[in-house]
């Protein structure tokens, strides 16, 4: 909606990549721990929220002159540690760090 002399700017965050990453991590965790994901791993996953990265902004101008800015979000490097640990084929894993704890 435009007000005379002022254009609207709408900022949106596209978290679909981050959502896909969490889904992948939970799926891996459930395949390793079918009886339930251990609490320390759940806390490690939740702590990754501080590692959310913003991607390049995409802008679009609508016919009424309003501006829409979309920013993609995904998890950074801290996502890789628990994912790699959960993909390790051995049942007796070498310890992998997840926010200072091991899984």
C-alpha atoms as a PDB file:
ATOM      1  CA  UNK A   1       0.000   0.000   0.000  1.00  0.00           C
ATOM      2  CA  UNK A   2       1.401   3.384  -0.934  1.00  0.00           C
ATOM      3  CA  UNK A   3       0.727   6.623   0.857  1.00  0.00           C
ATOM      4  CA  UNK A   4       1.004   9.758  -1.215  1.00  0.00           C
ATOM      5  CA  UNK A   5       4.675  10.661  -1.460  1.00  0.00           C
ATOM      6  CA  UNK A   6       5.815   7.560   0.452  1.00  0.00           C
ATOM      7  CA  UNK A   7       6.547   4.089  -0.849  1.00  0.00           C
ATOM      8  CA  UNK A   8       6.218   0.946   1.188  1.00  0.00           C
ATOM      9  CA  UNK A   9       9.241  -1.307   1.735  1.00  0.00           C
ATOM     10  CA  UNK A  10       8.569  -4.884   2.789  1.00  0.00           C
ATOM     11  CA  UNK A  11      11.384  -7.029   4.210  1.00  0.00           C
ATOM     12  CA  UNK A  12      10.920 -10.794   4.095  1.00  0.00           C
ATOM     13  CA  UNK A  13      13.153 -13.593   5.321  1.00  0.00           C
ATOM     14  CA  UNK A  14      13.104 -16.799   3.289  1.00  0.00           C
ATOM     15  CA  UNK A  15      13.980 -19.522   5.791  1.00  0.00           C
ATOM     16  CA  UNK A  16      13.198 -22.451   3.491  1.00  0.00           C
ATOM     17  CA  UNK A  17      16.898 -23.428   3.220  1.00  0.00           C
ATOM     18  CA  UNK A  18      17.304 -23.350   7.009  1.00  0.00           C
ATOM     19  CA  UNK A  19      14.101 -25.373   7.372  1.00  0.00           C
ATOM     20  CA  UNK A  20      15.434 -27.957   4.896  1.00  0.00           C
ATOM     21  CA  UNK A  21      18.708 -28.144   6.830  1.00  0.00           C
ATOM     22  CA  UNK A  22      16.890 -28.754  10.130  1.00  0.00           C
ATOM     23  CA  UNK A  23      14.671 -31.377   8.479  1.00  0.00           C
ATOM     24  CA  UNK A  24      17.777 -33.153   7.135  1.00  0.00           C
ATOM     25  CA  UNK A  25      19.462 -33.068  10.544  1.00  0.00           C
ATOM     26  CA  UNK A  26      16.383 -34.358  12.386  1.00  0.00           C
ATOM     27  CA  UNK A  27      15.931 -37.135   9.813  1.00  0.00           C
ATOM     28  CA  UNK A  28      19.581 -38.190  10.256  1.00  0.00           C
ATOM     29  CA  UNK A  29      19.255 -38.045  14.046  1.00  0.00           C
ATOM     30  CA  UNK A  30      16.096 -40.161  14.046  1.00  0.00           C
ATOM     31  CA  UNK A  31      17.770 -42.737  11.792  1.00  0.00           C
ATOM     32  CA  UNK A  32      20.610 -42.991  14.341  1.00  0.00           C
ATOM     33  CA  UNK A  33      18.421 -42.787  17.436  1.00  0.00           C
ATOM     34  CA  UNK A  34      15.084 -44.441  16.561  1.00  0.00           C
ATOM     35  CA  UNK A  35      14.051 -44.451  20.232  1.00  0.00           C
ATOM     36  CA  UNK A  36      14.404 -40.681  20.488  1.00  0.00           C
ATOM     37  CA  UNK A  37      17.015 -38.008  19.966  1.00  0.00           C
ATOM     38  CA  UNK A  38      19.246 -37.528  23.048  1.00  0.00           C
ATOM     39  CA  UNK A  39      18.730 -34.279  24.935  1.00  0.00           C
ATOM     40  CA  UNK A  40      22.295 -33.052  24.402  1.00  0.00           C
ATOM     41  CA  UNK A  41      21.849 -33.369  20.640  1.00  0.00           C
ATOM     42  CA  UNK A  42      18.523 -31.526  20.793  1.00  0.00           C
ATOM     43  CA  UNK A  43      20.209 -28.700  22.743  1.00  0.00           C
ATOM     44  CA  UNK A  44      23.047 -28.644  20.214  1.00  0.00           C
ATOM     45  CA  UNK A  45      20.551 -28.318  17.365  1.00  0.00           C
ATOM     46  CA  UNK A  46      18.696 -25.538  19.172  1.00  0.00           C
ATOM     47  CA  UNK A  47      21.941 -23.675  19.858  1.00  0.00           C
ATOM     48  CA  UNK A  48      22.584 -23.442  16.118  1.00  0.00           C
ATOM     49  CA  UNK A  49      20.070 -20.610  15.945  1.00  0.00           C
ATOM     50  CA  UNK A  50      22.970 -18.266  16.737  1.00  0.00           C
ATOM     51  CA  UNK A  51      24.657 -19.444  13.509  1.00  0.00           C
ATOM     52  CA  UNK A  52      21.920 -18.323  11.134  1.00  0.00           C
ATOM     53  CA  UNK A  53      23.422 -16.644   8.074  1.00  0.00           C
ATOM     54  CA  UNK A  54      21.715 -14.154   5.815  1.00  0.00           C
ATOM     55  CA  UNK A  55      22.241 -14.513   2.075  1.00  0.00           C
ATOM     56  CA  UNK A  56      22.230 -11.939  -0.699  1.00  0.00           C
ATOM     57  CA  UNK A  57      19.146  -9.739  -0.747  1.00  0.00           C
ATOM     58  CA  UNK A  58      16.796  -9.982  -3.705  1.00  0.00           C
ATOM     59  CA  UNK A  59      14.736  -6.903  -4.464  1.00  0.00           C
ATOM     60  CA  UNK A  60      11.628  -6.420  -6.549  1.00  0.00           C
ATOM     61  CA  UNK A  61       9.625  -3.308  -7.302  1.00  0.00           C
ATOM     62  CA  UNK A  62       5.907  -3.701  -7.806  1.00  0.00           C
ATOM     63  CA  UNK A  63       3.713  -1.693 -10.159  1.00  0.00           C
ATOM     64  CA  UNK A  64       2.576   0.596  -7.330  1.00  0.00           C
ATOM     65  CA  UNK A  65       6.197   1.516  -6.546  1.00  0.00           C
ATOM     66  CA  UNK A  66       6.485  -0.495  -3.348  1.00  0.00           C
ATOM     67  CA  UNK A  67       9.705  -2.384  -2.765  1.00  0.00           C
ATOM     68  CA  UNK A  68       9.961  -5.985  -1.598  1.00  0.00           C
ATOM     69  CA  UNK A  69      13.322  -7.140  -0.208  1.00  0.00           C
ATOM     70  CA  UNK A  70      13.754 -10.869   0.362  1.00  0.00           C
ATOM     71  CA  UNK A  71      16.679 -12.240   2.325  1.00  0.00           C
ATOM     72  CA  UNK A  72      17.456 -15.982   2.272  1.00  0.00           C
ATOM     73  CA  UNK A  73      18.585 -17.590   5.551  1.00  0.00           C
ATOM     74  CA  UNK A  74      20.559 -20.762   6.173  1.00  0.00           C
ATOM     75  CA  UNK A  75      22.746 -22.227   8.894  1.00  0.00           C
ATOM     76  CA  UNK A  76      26.500 -21.742   8.737  1.00  0.00           C
ATOM     77  CA  UNK A  77      29.429 -23.965   9.599  1.00  0.00           C
ATOM     78  CA  UNK A  78      28.112 -25.168  12.964  1.00  0.00           C
ATOM     79  CA  UNK A  79      25.488 -27.141  11.051  1.00  0.00           C
ATOM     80  CA  UNK A  80      28.183 -29.286   9.414  1.00  0.00           C
ATOM     81  CA  UNK A  81      29.607 -30.830  12.621  1.00  0.00           C
ATOM     82  CA  UNK A  82      26.515 -32.683  13.861  1.00  0.00           C
ATOM     83  CA  UNK A  83      25.484 -33.538  10.299  1.00  0.00           C
ATOM     84  CA  UNK A  84      28.886 -35.111   9.579  1.00  0.00           C
ATOM     85  CA  UNK A  85      28.824 -36.959  12.906  1.00  0.00           C
ATOM     86  CA  UNK A  86      25.383 -38.394  12.225  1.00  0.00           C
ATOM     87  CA  UNK A  87      26.468 -39.523   8.756  1.00  0.00           C
ATOM     88  CA  UNK A  88      29.444 -41.462  10.183  1.00  0.00           C
ATOM     89  CA  UNK A  89      28.731 -45.110   9.380  1.00  0.00           C
ATOM     90  CA  UNK A  90      30.383 -46.630  12.482  1.00  0.00           C
ATOM     91  CA  UNK A  91      28.156 -47.423  15.415  1.00  0.00           C
ATOM     92  CA  UNK A  92      31.026 -46.607  17.771  1.00  0.00           C
ATOM     93  CA  UNK A  93      31.643 -43.044  16.708  1.00  0.00           C
ATOM     94  CA  UNK A  94      34.655 -40.913  17.289  1.00  0.00           C
ATOM     95  CA  UNK A  95      33.415 -37.991  19.392  1.00  0.00           C
ATOM     96  CA  UNK A  96      32.199 -35.018  17.401  1.00  0.00           C
ATOM     97  CA  UNK A  97      31.546 -31.702  19.054  1.00  0.00           C
ATOM     98  CA  UNK A  98      28.133 -30.125  19.080  1.00  0.00           C
ATOM     99  CA  UNK A  99      28.251 -26.887  21.000  1.00  0.00           C
ATOM    100  CA  UNK A 100      30.881 -28.194  23.402  1.00  0.00           C
ATOM    101  CA  UNK A 101      29.188 -31.550  23.994  1.00  0.00           C
ATOM    102  CA  UNK A 102      29.749 -34.835  22.217  1.00  0.00           C
ATOM    103  CA  UNK A 103      27.242 -37.048  20.515  1.00  0.00           C
END
